[in-house]
Protein backbone atom coordinates (compact mmCIF):
# COMPACT_ATOMS: atom_id res chain seq x y z
CA MET A 1 27.14 67.16 210.42
CA ARG A 2 26.45 65.74 206.96
CA ASP A 3 23.05 65.95 205.26
CA ASP A 4 22.44 62.83 203.17
CA GLY A 5 19.44 64.32 201.40
CA PRO A 6 15.70 63.90 201.92
CA LYS A 7 14.59 61.50 204.62
CA THR A 8 11.03 61.05 203.32
CA GLN A 9 9.48 60.38 199.94
CA LEU A 10 7.51 63.62 200.17
CA ALA A 11 10.73 65.55 200.78
CA ALA A 12 12.26 64.01 197.65
CA SER A 13 9.17 64.70 195.53
CA LEU A 14 8.84 68.25 196.83
CA GLY A 15 12.53 68.86 196.17
CA ASP A 16 12.09 67.73 192.55
CA ILE A 17 9.12 70.06 192.07
CA LEU A 18 10.91 73.04 193.60
CA ALA A 19 14.04 72.38 191.53
CA GLY A 20 11.95 72.05 188.37
CA ARG A 21 10.43 75.46 189.01
CA GLY A 22 13.66 77.07 190.13
CA LEU A 23 12.20 77.84 193.56
CA SER A 24 13.91 77.86 196.91
CA GLN A 25 12.24 76.54 200.03
CA ALA A 26 12.05 80.10 201.34
CA SER A 27 10.27 81.40 198.24
CA ALA A 28 7.86 78.43 198.19
CA ALA A 29 7.11 78.94 201.89
CA ALA A 30 6.42 82.63 201.29
CA ARG A 31 4.07 81.87 198.39
CA ALA A 32 2.19 79.35 200.55
CA ASN A 33 2.16 81.69 203.57
CA ILE A 34 3.84 78.96 205.67
CA SER A 35 6.67 79.75 208.05
CA GLN A 36 10.03 79.03 206.44
CA PRO A 37 11.29 76.90 209.38
CA TYR A 38 8.16 74.70 209.29
CA PHE A 39 8.36 74.36 205.50
CA ASN A 40 12.04 73.46 205.81
CA GLN A 41 11.33 70.72 208.36
CA ILE A 42 8.92 69.04 205.95
CA ALA A 43 11.09 69.68 202.89
CA LYS A 44 14.07 68.08 204.65
CA GLY A 45 12.00 65.12 205.86
CA ARG A 46 12.29 65.98 209.54
CA ARG A 47 8.52 66.27 209.93
CA LEU A 48 5.59 64.56 208.18
CA ALA A 49 3.13 66.64 206.19
CA SER A 50 -0.64 66.64 206.47
CA ALA A 51 -2.96 66.52 203.49
CA GLU A 52 -3.94 70.11 204.28
CA TRP A 53 -0.31 71.22 204.18
CA ILE A 54 0.14 69.57 200.80
CA GLU A 55 -2.99 71.24 199.43
CA THR A 56 -1.85 74.64 200.69
CA VAL A 57 1.53 74.24 198.99
CA ALA A 58 0.04 72.74 195.81
CA ASN A 59 -2.40 75.64 195.45
CA ALA A 60 0.27 78.25 196.14
CA LEU A 61 2.66 76.73 193.58
CA GLY A 62 -0.03 76.06 190.97
CA LEU A 63 0.71 72.34 190.81
CA ASP A 64 -1.14 70.30 188.23
CA GLU A 65 -3.21 67.26 189.22
CA ALA A 66 -0.38 64.79 188.54
CA GLU A 67 2.08 66.71 190.72
CA ARG A 68 -0.51 67.15 193.46
CA ALA A 69 -1.35 63.43 193.42
CA ALA A 70 2.35 62.52 193.50
CA LEU A 71 2.84 64.59 196.66
CA HIS A 72 -0.19 63.00 198.33
CA ARG A 73 1.01 59.48 197.41
CA ALA A 74 4.50 60.21 198.73
CA ALA A 75 3.09 61.57 202.00
CA ALA A 76 0.80 58.57 202.38
CA ARG A 77 3.78 56.23 201.99
CA ASP A 78 5.72 58.28 204.55
CA HIS A 79 2.81 57.80 206.96
CA GLY A 80 2.99 54.03 206.41
CA PHE A 81 0.13 53.55 204.00
CA LYS A 82 0.57 51.07 201.18
CA ILE A 83 -0.90 52.31 197.94
CA ASP A 84 -2.05 50.17 195.03
CA LEU A 85 -1.07 52.27 192.03
CA THR A 86 -2.69 49.80 189.62
CA LYS A 87 -6.16 51.13 190.45
CA PRO A 88 -7.45 54.42 189.04
């Protein structure tokens, strides 16, 4: 079976952040104290993430405010919310 990459916007954004830090999903999951299979499901776009999950990962990885906000926006879009990025 072929994997065509991330299936959600959060998965794509998270993948970029992990790649930029040279982290694997397993090491990020360990830092966040999240089971690796659960982390993998979200990172591959097979499951949607909650705001709490994003905050747990963001805190564990030391994400800055821009990275944290990008993950929340991506997750909101995955959940079907439309976001007006023209407003502060």
